[in-house]
PDB file of N, CA and C in Angstrom:
ATOM      1  N   MET A   1       0.913  -1.251  -0.138  1.00  0.00           N
ATOM      2  CA  MET A   1      -0.136   0.064  -0.028  1.00  0.00           C
ATOM      3  C   MET A   1       0.708   1.357  -0.143  1.00  0.00           C
ATOM      4  N   ASN A   2       0.959   1.822  -1.003  1.00  0.00           N
ATOM      5  CA  ASN A   2       1.405   3.251  -1.035  1.00  0.00           C
ATOM      6  C   ASN A   2       0.823   4.211  -0.669  1.00  0.00           C
ATOM      7  N   ALA A   3       1.106   4.825   0.497  1.00  0.00           N
ATOM      8  CA  ALA A   3       0.496   6.083   1.052  1.00  0.00           C
ATOM      9  C   ALA A   3       0.958   7.321   0.535  1.00  0.00           C
ATOM     10  N   PRO A   4       0.092   8.449   0.451  1.00  0.00           N
ATOM     11  CA  PRO A   4       0.968   9.761  -0.470  1.00  0.00           C
ATOM     12  C   PRO A   4       1.764  10.343   0.776  1.00  0.00           C
ATOM     13  N   THR A   5       2.751  10.662   0.444  1.00  0.00           N
ATOM     14  CA  THR A   5       3.905  11.483   1.463  1.00  0.00           C
ATOM     15  C   THR A   5       3.500  12.456   1.510  1.00  0.00           C
ATOM     16  N   ASP A   6       3.093  13.326   0.463  1.00  0.00           N
ATOM     17  CA  ASP A   6       2.834  14.896   0.191  1.00  0.00           C
ATOM     18  C   ASP A   6       1.854  15.062   1.018  1.00  0.00           C
ATOM     19  N   ILE A   7       1.837  16.080   1.924  1.00  0.00           N
ATOM     20  CA  ILE A   7       1.087  16.711   2.705  1.00  0.00           C
ATOM     21  C   ILE A   7       0.005  17.068   2.288  1.00  0.00           C
ATOM     22  N   SER A   8      -0.056  17.820   0.926  1.00  0.00           N
ATOM     23  CA  SER A   8      -1.282  18.230   0.456  1.00  0.00           C
ATOM     24  C   SER A   8      -1.910  17.305  -0.039  1.00  0.00           C
ATOM     25  N   MET A   9      -1.879  15.988  -0.395  1.00  0.00           N
ATOM     26  CA  MET A   9      -2.556  14.854  -0.758  1.00  0.00           C
ATOM     27  C   MET A   9      -3.367  14.135   0.222  1.00  0.00           C
ATOM     28  N   LYS A  10      -3.146  14.693   1.415  1.00  0.00           N
ATOM     29  CA  LYS A  10      -3.995  13.874   2.619  1.00  0.00           C
ATOM     30  C   LYS A  10      -5.037  14.769   2.988  1.00  0.00           C
ATOM     31  N   THR A  11      -5.939  14.210   3.539  1.00  0.00           N
ATOM     32  CA  THR A  11      -7.169  14.817   4.324  1.00  0.00           C
ATOM     33  C   THR A  11      -6.855  15.208   5.817  1.00  0.00           C
ATOM     34  N   ASP A  12      -7.420  16.076   6.070  1.00  0.00           N
ATOM     35  CA  ASP A  12      -7.449  16.824   7.571  1.00  0.00           C
ATOM     36  C   ASP A  12      -7.437  15.702   8.448  1.00  0.00           C
ATOM     37  N   ASP A  13      -8.565  14.719   8.329  1.00  0.00           N
ATOM     38  CA  ASP A  13      -8.507  13.640   9.249  1.00  0.00           C
ATOM     39  C   ASP A  13      -7.599  12.651   9.404  1.00  0.00           C
ATOM     40  N   VAL A  14      -6.745  12.721   8.274  1.00  0.00           N
ATOM     41  CA  VAL A  14      -5.602  11.627   8.286  1.00  0.00           C
ATOM     42  C   VAL A  14      -4.226  12.384   8.840  1.00  0.00           C
ATOM     43  N   LEU A  15      -4.316  13.888   8.711  1.00  0.00           N
ATOM     44  CA  LEU A  15      -3.367  14.621   9.267  1.00  0.00           C
ATOM     45  C   LEU A  15      -3.299  14.709  10.598  1.00  0.00           C
ATOM     46  N   ARG A  16      -4.749  14.664  11.180  1.00  0.00           N
ATOM     47  CA  ARG A  16      -4.763  14.442  12.545  1.00  0.00           C
ATOM     48  C   ARG A  16      -4.223  13.456  13.447  1.00  0.00           C
ATOM     49  N   VAL A  17      -4.507  12.365  12.597  1.00  0.00           N
ATOM     50  CA  VAL A  17      -4.229  11.153  13.322  1.00  0.00           C
ATOM     51  C   VAL A  17      -2.781  11.159  13.038  1.00  0.00           C
ATOM     52  N   GLU A  18      -1.840  11.351  12.133  1.00  0.00           N
ATOM     53  CA  GLU A  18      -0.302  11.622  12.120  1.00  0.00           C
ATOM     54  C   GLU A  18       0.059  12.378  12.900  1.00  0.00           C
ATOM     55  N   LEU A  19      -0.477  13.797  13.146  1.00  0.00           N
ATOM     56  CA  LEU A  19      -0.177  14.571  14.346  1.00  0.00           C
ATOM     57  C   LEU A  19      -0.025  14.083  15.397  1.00  0.00           C
ATOM     58  N   ALA A  20      -1.343  13.677  15.847  1.00  0.00           N
ATOM     59  CA  ALA A  20      -1.203  12.414  17.389  1.00  0.00           C
ATOM     60  C   ALA A  20      -0.113  11.287  17.515  1.00  0.00           C
ATOM     61  N   VAL A  21       0.204  10.751  16.615  1.00  0.00           N
ATOM     62  CA  VAL A  21       1.267   9.878  16.230  1.00  0.00           C
ATOM     63  C   VAL A  21       2.568  10.244  16.495  1.00  0.00           C
ATOM     64  N   PHE A  22       2.697  11.474  15.706  1.00  0.00           N
ATOM     65  CA  PHE A  22       4.198  12.248  15.628  1.00  0.00           C
ATOM     66  C   PHE A  22       4.627  12.870  16.919  1.00  0.00           C
ATOM     67  N   ARG A  23       3.384  13.298  17.581  1.00  0.00           N
ATOM     68  CA  ARG A  23       3.559  14.049  19.058  1.00  0.00           C
ATOM     69  C   ARG A  23       4.106  13.150  19.931  1.00  0.00           C
ATOM     70  N   ARG A  24       3.126  11.870  20.032  1.00  0.00           N
ATOM     71  CA  ARG A  24       3.661  11.134  20.901  1.00  0.00           C
ATOM     72  C   ARG A  24       4.886  10.295  20.718  1.00  0.00           C
ATOM     73  N   GLU A  25       5.445  10.202  19.325  1.00  0.00           N
ATOM     74  CA  GLU A  25       6.750   9.679  19.049  1.00  0.00           C
ATOM     75  C   GLU A  25       7.859  10.666  19.426  1.00  0.00           C
ATOM     76  N   HIS A  26       7.588  12.010  19.687  1.00  0.00           N
ATOM     77  CA  HIS A  26       8.484  13.221  19.819  1.00  0.00           C
ATOM     78  C   HIS A  26       8.641  13.065  21.181  1.00  0.00           C
ATOM     79  N   ARG A  27       7.497  12.748  22.126  1.00  0.00           N
ATOM     80  CA  ARG A  27       7.607  12.913  23.536  1.00  0.00           C
ATOM     81  C   ARG A  27       8.368  11.523  23.929  1.00  0.00           C
ATOM     82  N   ASP A  28       7.960  10.456  23.494  1.00  0.00           N
ATOM     83  CA  ASP A  28       8.776   9.122  23.733  1.00  0.00           C
ATOM     84  C   ASP A  28      10.320   9.347  23.605  1.00  0.00           C
ATOM     85  N   LEU A  29      10.520   9.799  22.234  1.00  0.00           N
ATOM     86  CA  LEU A  29      12.028  10.234  22.124  1.00  0.00           C
ATOM     87  C   LEU A  29      12.814  11.197  23.406  1.00  0.00           C
ATOM     88  N   ASP A  30      11.812  12.177  23.550  1.00  0.00           N
ATOM     89  CA  ASP A  30      12.482  13.117  24.458  1.00  0.00           C
ATOM     90  C   ASP A  30      12.627  12.579  25.836  1.00  0.00           C
ATOM     91  N   GLU A  31      11.728  11.564  26.163  1.00  0.00           N
ATOM     92  CA  GLU A  31      11.764  10.671  27.415  1.00  0.00           C
ATOM     93  C   GLU A  31      13.152   9.712  27.253  1.00  0.00           C
ATOM     94  N   ALA A  32      13.099   9.316  26.116  1.00  0.00           N
ATOM     95  CA  ALA A  32      14.486   8.370  26.169  1.00  0.00           C
ATOM     96  C   ALA A  32      15.918   8.850  26.008  1.00  0.00           C
ATOM     97  N   ILE A  33      15.696  10.008  25.567  1.00  0.00           N
ATOM     98  CA  ILE A  33      16.996  10.787  25.408  1.00  0.00           C
ATOM     99  C   ILE A  33      17.361  11.439  27.112  1.00  0.00           C
ATOM    100  N   ARG A  34      16.257  11.747  27.456  1.00  0.00           N
ATOM    101  CA  ARG A  34      16.464  12.096  28.961  1.00  0.00           C
ATOM    102  C   ARG A  34      17.066  10.952  29.936  1.00  0.00           C
ATOM    103  N   ALA A  35      16.353   9.666  29.725  1.00  0.00           N
ATOM    104  CA  ALA A  35      16.661   8.873  30.422  1.00  0.00           C
ATOM    105  C   ALA A  35      18.218   8.438  30.181  1.00  0.00           C
ATOM    106  N   MET A  36      18.644   8.408  28.933  1.00  0.00           N
ATOM    107  CA  MET A  36      20.064   7.869  28.829  1.00  0.00           C
ATOM    108  C   MET A  36      20.927   8.907  29.206  1.00  0.00           C
ATOM    109  N   GLN A  37      20.505  10.249  29.321  1.00  0.00           N
ATOM    110  CA  GLN A  37      21.686  11.192  29.741  1.00  0.00           C
ATOM    111  C   GLN A  37      21.587  11.128  31.137  1.00  0.00           C
ATOM    112  N   THR A  38      20.553  10.979  31.824  1.00  0.00           N
ATOM    113  CA  THR A  38      20.646  10.398  33.039  1.00  0.00           C
ATOM    114  C   THR A  38      21.471   9.624  33.812  1.00  0.00           C
ATOM    115  N   THR A  39      21.095   8.411  33.172  1.00  0.00           N
ATOM    116  CA  THR A  39      21.850   7.183  33.628  1.00  0.00           C
ATOM    117  C   THR A  39      22.957   7.000  32.947  1.00  0.00           C
ATOM    118  N   GLY A  40      23.505   7.754  31.832  1.00  0.00           N
ATOM    119  CA  GLY A  40      24.817   7.811  31.116  1.00  0.00           C
ATOM    120  C   GLY A  40      24.971   6.473  30.379  1.00  0.00           C
ATOM    121  N   THR A  41      24.086   5.903  29.992  1.00  0.00           N
ATOM    122  CA  THR A  41      23.999   4.539  29.371  1.00  0.00           C
ATOM    123  C   THR A  41      24.309   4.631  27.604  1.00  0.00           C
ATOM    124  N   ALA A  42      24.083   5.831  27.242  1.00  0.00           N
ATOM    125  CA  ALA A  42      24.375   6.098  25.699  1.00  0.00           C
ATOM    126  C   ALA A  42      25.569   6.528  25.230  1.00  0.00           C
ATOM    127  N   ASP A  43      25.913   6.281  24.205  1.00  0.00           N
ATOM    128  CA  ASP A  43      26.982   6.921  23.633  1.00  0.00           C
ATOM    129  C   ASP A  43      26.666   7.998  22.968  1.00  0.00           C
ATOM    130  N   GLN A  44      27.534   9.199  22.699  1.00  0.00           N
ATOM    131  CA  GLN A  44      27.068  10.522  22.048  1.00  0.00           C
ATOM    132  C   GLN A  44      26.634  10.297  20.522  1.00  0.00           C
ATOM    133  N   ILE A  45      26.810   9.036  19.580  1.00  0.00           N
ATOM    134  CA  ILE A  45      26.490   8.996  18.573  1.00  0.00           C
ATOM    135  C   ILE A  45      24.840   8.732  18.447  1.00  0.00           C
ATOM    136  N   THR A  46      24.514   7.810  19.515  1.00  0.00           N
ATOM    137  CA  THR A  46      23.262   7.145  19.621  1.00  0.00           C
ATOM    138  C   THR A  46      22.450   8.422  19.994  1.00  0.00           C
ATOM    139  N   LEU A  47      22.948   9.251  21.158  1.00  0.00           N
ATOM    140  CA  LEU A  47      22.044  10.486  21.199  1.00  0.00           C
ATOM    141  C   LEU A  47      22.232  11.457  20.016  1.00  0.00           C
ATOM    142  N   GLN A  48      23.102  11.555  19.423  1.00  0.00           N
ATOM    143  CA  GLN A  48      22.775  12.612  18.150  1.00  0.00           C
ATOM    144  C   GLN A  48      22.016  11.944  17.375  1.00  0.00           C
ATOM    145  N   ARG A  49      21.969  10.556  17.014  1.00  0.00           N
ATOM    146  CA  ARG A  49      20.919  10.253  16.218  1.00  0.00           C
ATOM    147  C   ARG A  49      19.477  10.296  16.722  1.00  0.00           C
ATOM    148  N   LEU A  50      19.010   9.980  17.958  1.00  0.00           N
ATOM    149  CA  LEU A  50      17.933  10.274  18.576  1.00  0.00           C
ATOM    150  C   LEU A  50      17.546  11.638  18.552  1.00  0.00           C
ATOM    151  N   LYS A  51      18.467  12.686  18.565  1.00  0.00           N
ATOM    152  CA  LYS A  51      18.200  14.131  18.876  1.00  0.00           C
ATOM    153  C   LYS A  51      17.724  14.532  17.282  1.00  0.00           C
ATOM    154  N   LYS A  52      18.508  13.913  16.399  1.00  0.00           N
ATOM    155  CA  LYS A  52      18.151  14.404  14.981  1.00  0.00           C
ATOM    156  C   LYS A  52      16.752  13.817  14.398  1.00  0.00           C
ATOM    157  N   LYS A  53      16.536  12.812  15.071  1.00  0.00           N
ATOM    158  CA  LYS A  53      15.106  12.121  14.668  1.00  0.00           C
ATOM    159  C   LYS A  53      13.925  12.833  15.532  1.00  0.00           C
ATOM    160  N   LYS A  54      14.489  13.187  16.467  1.00  0.00           N
ATOM    161  CA  LYS A  54      13.429  14.045  17.243  1.00  0.00           C
ATOM    162  C   LYS A  54      13.233  15.634  16.423  1.00  0.00           C
ATOM    163  N   LEU A  55      14.223  16.188  15.950  1.00  0.00           N
ATOM    164  CA  LEU A  55      14.089  17.253  15.321  1.00  0.00           C
ATOM    165  C   LEU A  55      13.158  17.314  13.904  1.00  0.00           C
ATOM    166  N   ARG A  56      13.178  16.080  13.211  1.00  0.00           N
ATOM    167  CA  ARG A  56      12.662  15.979  12.072  1.00  0.00           C
ATOM    168  C   ARG A  56      11.137  15.559  12.539  1.00  0.00           C
ATOM    169  N   LEU A  57      10.869  14.944  13.597  1.00  0.00           N
ATOM    170  CA  LEU A  57       9.530  14.978  13.938  1.00  0.00           C
ATOM    171  C   LEU A  57       9.166  16.153  14.302  1.00  0.00           C
ATOM    172  N   LYS A  58       9.612  17.285  14.844  1.00  0.00           N
ATOM    173  CA  LYS A  58       9.291  18.643  15.118  1.00  0.00           C
ATOM    174  C   LYS A  58       9.074  19.082  13.825  1.00  0.00           C
ATOM    175  N   ASP A  59       9.782  19.136  12.953  1.00  0.00           N
ATOM    176  CA  ASP A  59       9.526  19.788  11.597  1.00  0.00           C
ATOM    177  C   ASP A  59       8.104  19.271  11.278  1.00  0.00           C
ATOM    178  N   LYS A  60       8.130  17.826  11.195  1.00  0.00           N
ATOM    179  CA  LYS A  60       6.846  17.386  10.462  1.00  0.00           C
ATOM    180  C   LYS A  60       5.428  17.825  11.121  1.00  0.00           C
ATOM    181  N   ILE A  61       5.688  18.108  12.428  1.00  0.00           N
ATOM    182  CA  ILE A  61       4.582  18.462  13.564  1.00  0.00           C
ATOM    183  C   ILE A  61       4.198  19.796  13.165  1.00  0.00           C
ATOM    184  N   ALA A  62       5.205  20.755  12.953  1.00  0.00           N
ATOM    185  CA  ALA A  62       5.055  22.076  12.631  1.00  0.00           C
ATOM    186  C   ALA A  62       4.347  22.230  11.335  1.00  0.00           C
ATOM    187  N   MET A  63       4.755  21.199  10.258  1.00  0.00           N
ATOM    188  CA  MET A  63       3.996  21.403   8.842  1.00  0.00           C
ATOM    189  C   MET A  63       2.308  21.074   9.067  1.00  0.00           C
ATOM    190  N   ILE A  64       2.521  20.012   9.545  1.00  0.00           N
ATOM    191  CA  ILE A  64       0.961  19.576  10.018  1.00  0.00           C
ATOM    192  C   ILE A  64      -0.039  20.445  10.550  1.00  0.00           C
ATOM    193  N   GLU A  65       0.784  21.177  11.578  1.00  0.00           N
ATOM    194  CA  GLU A  65      -0.137  22.192  12.356  1.00  0.00           C
ATOM    195  C   GLU A  65      -0.325  23.043  11.372  1.00  0.00           C
ATOM    196  N   ASP A  66       0.634  23.729  10.680  1.00  0.00           N
ATOM    197  CA  ASP A  66       0.358  24.945   9.766  1.00  0.00           C
ATOM    198  C   ASP A  66      -0.737  24.480   8.615  1.00  0.00           C
ATOM    199  N   ARG A  67      -0.742  23.412   8.489  1.00  0.00           N
ATOM    200  CA  ARG A  67      -1.850  22.948   7.340  1.00  0.00           C
ATOM    201  C   ARG A  67      -3.078  22.933   8.111  1.00  0.00           C
ATOM    202  N   LEU A  68      -3.122  22.411   9.235  1.00  0.00           N
ATOM    203  CA  LEU A  68      -4.491  22.261   9.743  1.00  0.00           C
ATOM    204  C   LEU A  68      -4.946  23.435  10.694  1.00  0.00           C
ATOM    205  N   LEU A  69      -3.864  24.287  10.978  1.00  0.00           N
ATOM    206  CA  LEU A  69      -4.347  25.467  11.681  1.00  0.00           C
ATOM    207  C   LEU A  69      -3.692  26.733  11.118  1.00  0.00           C
ATOM    208  N   PRO A  70      -4.254  27.279   9.958  1.00  0.00           N
ATOM    209  CA  PRO A  70      -3.474  28.330   9.107  1.00  0.00           C
ATOM    210  C   PRO A  70      -3.790  29.545   9.940  1.00  0.00           C
ATOM    211  N   ASP A  71      -2.679  30.397   9.726  1.00  0.00           N
ATOM    212  CA  ASP A  71      -2.438  31.986  10.561  1.00  0.00           C
ATOM    213  C   ASP A  71      -3.954  32.491   9.802  1.00  0.00           C
ATOM    214  N   ILE A  72      -4.717  33.162  10.912  1.00  0.00           N
ATOM    215  CA  ILE A  72      -5.773  33.656  10.234  1.00  0.00           C
ATOM    216  C   ILE A  72      -5.569  34.947  10.907  1.00  0.00           C
ATOM    217  N   ILE A  73      -5.521  36.280  10.012  1.00  0.00           N
ATOM    218  CA  ILE A  73      -5.262  37.697  10.315  1.00  0.00           C
ATOM    219  C   ILE A  73      -6.570  38.101  10.389  1.00  0.00           C
ATOM    220  N   ALA A  74      -6.811  38.647  11.693  1.00  0.00           N
ATOM    221  CA  ALA A  74      -8.158  39.416  11.973  1.00  0.00           C
ATOM    222  C   ALA A  74      -7.922  40.828  11.929  1.00  0.00           C
TER     223      ALA A  74
END
């Protein structure tokens, strides 16, 4: 099944579901990074990789939010 990756091709309902999934994944990564830093169990490469993934998710979240909640100048 080839789901469209272009945000403009997705319905608002699909985007809301993806937004919830991405937000949860972002929180999970944040918790994992914090736990690794606290316990000192991760090497710098692993932490760097997780942080980059977290930033990519943040960008996806921002794009979806912009699409669902456009700026309205009153």
